[in-house]
Amino acid sequence: MKVGKEEIVGLVVALDRYVERDVEAWVAGWSEMARRIALALAGIPGLTAAVVTNTAGYEDVELTWDPEVVPLATDEVKAGLMAAEPRLAYLMTIRTRLLREGEDALVIRALRDFFRGAARSD
């Protein structure tokens, strides 16, 4: 298995960039995004967006909903979010580590639209 000089240079540059990063600021940014998402979703009937610290030490958002208000099963929520624009791959937890800066606004909009549309209006 040969490795070209371009791949070696790419690896060295990637490692240099990673070592130079302020990891604490990076992690703090993920946690801040989680808090923004949870706060923005707080007023949606039947939806609970809880900020939780994961085992890696940064915060995520866990979504739960009251089936009396949002009468959907987990599979229906997953399918609905995958069909939304932008598509969201939903696994009960929003991992902000996977988002770029500013993408939290897109996630908020998609979740608001979906859960408001799914809520019963009695």
Protein backbone atom coordinates (compact mmCIF):
# COMPACT_ATOMS: atom_id res chain seq x y z
CA MET A 1 0.00 0.00 0.00
CA LYS A 2 1.59 3.21 -1.16
CA VAL A 3 0.89 6.62 0.28
CA GLY A 4 1.50 9.62 -1.91
CA LYS A 5 3.27 12.75 -0.71
CA GLU A 6 0.02 14.70 -1.14
CA GLU A 7 -1.75 12.48 1.40
CA ILE A 8 1.15 12.82 3.85
CA VAL A 9 1.14 16.62 3.53
CA GLY A 10 -2.63 16.66 3.97
CA LEU A 11 -2.36 14.60 7.15
CA VAL A 12 0.37 16.85 8.57
CA VAL A 13 -1.64 20.01 7.80
CA ALA A 14 -4.79 18.50 9.36
CA LEU A 15 -2.88 17.52 12.50
CA ASP A 16 -1.29 20.98 12.78
CA ARG A 17 -4.70 22.64 12.48
CA TYR A 18 -6.20 20.32 15.08
CA VAL A 19 -3.37 20.89 17.57
CA GLU A 20 -3.67 24.67 17.15
CA ARG A 21 -7.43 24.68 17.88
CA ASP A 22 -8.73 25.97 21.17
CA VAL A 23 -10.59 22.79 22.12
CA GLU A 24 -12.26 24.39 25.15
CA ALA A 25 -13.73 27.15 22.96
CA TRP A 26 -14.80 24.57 20.41
CA VAL A 27 -16.63 22.51 23.04
CA ALA A 28 -18.14 25.65 24.60
CA GLY A 29 -19.53 26.56 21.17
CA TRP A 30 -21.26 23.20 20.86
CA SER A 31 -22.81 23.61 24.30
CA GLU A 32 -23.94 27.16 23.50
CA MET A 33 -25.63 25.92 20.34
CA ALA A 34 -27.46 23.25 22.37
CA ARG A 35 -28.73 25.88 24.80
CA ARG A 36 -29.90 28.13 21.91
CA ILE A 37 -31.79 25.25 20.31
CA ALA A 38 -33.48 24.22 23.57
CA LEU A 39 -34.46 27.80 24.37
CA ALA A 40 -35.89 28.39 20.89
CA LEU A 41 -38.02 25.24 21.12
CA ALA A 42 -39.29 25.92 24.65
CA GLY A 43 -42.66 27.38 23.62
CA ILE A 44 -43.83 24.60 21.33
CA PRO A 45 -46.88 22.81 22.79
CA GLY A 46 -46.17 19.22 23.80
CA LEU A 47 -42.45 19.35 23.02
CA THR A 48 -39.68 19.20 25.61
CA ALA A 49 -36.14 20.11 24.60
CA ALA A 50 -33.78 19.32 27.46
CA VAL A 51 -30.12 20.27 27.52
CA VAL A 52 -28.06 17.31 28.76
CA THR A 53 -24.34 16.85 29.23
CA ASN A 54 -23.08 13.81 27.37
CA THR A 55 -20.19 11.52 28.34
CA ALA A 56 -17.75 13.59 26.25
CA GLY A 57 -18.45 16.65 28.43
CA TYR A 58 -20.41 18.90 26.07
CA GLU A 59 -24.13 19.50 25.88
CA ASP A 60 -26.68 18.01 23.53
CA VAL A 61 -30.44 18.48 23.23
CA GLU A 62 -32.78 15.59 23.94
CA LEU A 63 -36.27 15.86 22.48
CA THR A 64 -39.36 14.26 23.92
CA TRP A 65 -42.98 14.98 23.20
CA ASP A 66 -46.33 14.42 24.81
CA PRO A 67 -48.26 11.97 22.60
CA GLU A 68 -51.51 13.59 23.72
CA VAL A 69 -50.41 16.85 22.10
CA VAL A 70 -48.15 15.52 19.32
CA PRO A 71 -49.81 12.21 18.34
CA LEU A 72 -46.82 10.72 16.53
CA ALA A 73 -44.67 7.65 17.14
CA THR A 74 -40.88 7.96 17.09
CA ASP A 75 -40.70 6.40 13.62
CA GLU A 76 -43.19 8.95 12.30
CA VAL A 77 -41.14 11.80 13.73
CA LYS A 78 -37.96 10.39 12.18
CA ALA A 79 -39.64 10.02 8.78
CA GLY A 80 -41.19 13.48 8.97
CA LEU A 81 -37.89 15.16 9.84
CA MET A 82 -36.07 13.31 7.07
CA ALA A 83 -38.70 14.60 4.64
CA ALA A 84 -38.37 18.20 5.92
CA GLU A 85 -36.24 20.90 4.34
CA PRO A 86 -33.51 20.80 5.48
CA ARG A 87 -33.63 17.08 6.20
CA LEU A 88 -32.79 16.16 9.77
CA ALA A 89 -31.48 12.74 10.74
CA TYR A 90 -33.10 12.38 14.14
CA LEU A 91 -32.05 9.88 16.79
CA MET A 92 -33.75 11.38 19.89
CA THR A 93 -30.74 13.62 20.54
CA ILE A 94 -29.48 16.65 18.66
CA ARG A 95 -25.69 16.46 18.62
CA THR A 96 -24.49 20.00 18.09
CA ARG A 97 -20.94 18.71 17.55
CA LEU A 98 -22.14 17.74 14.09
CA LEU A 99 -23.33 21.26 13.23
CA ARG A 100 -21.38 24.12 11.74
CA GLU A 101 -21.79 27.59 13.21
CA GLY A 102 -25.15 28.99 12.16
CA GLU A 103 -26.71 25.65 11.24
CA ASP A 104 -28.50 25.60 14.58
CA ALA A 105 -30.89 28.21 13.14
CA LEU A 106 -31.82 25.77 10.36
CA VAL A 107 -32.37 22.97 12.88
CA ILE A 108 -34.55 25.25 15.02
CA ARG A 109 -36.68 26.28 12.04
CA ALA A 110 -37.17 22.71 10.84
CA LEU A 111 -38.08 21.42 14.31
CA ARG A 112 -40.45 24.32 15.01
CA ASP A 113 -42.24 23.85 11.69
CA PHE A 114 -42.51 20.10 12.13
CA PHE A 115 -43.72 19.99 15.74
CA ARG A 116 -46.08 22.95 15.39
CA GLY A 117 -47.61 21.28 12.35
CA ALA A 118 -47.91 17.95 14.16
CA ALA A 119 -49.47 19.33 17.36
CA ARG A 120 -53.17 18.94 17.90
CA SER A 121 -55.11 22.16 17.92
CA ASP A 122 -58.04 21.34 20.20
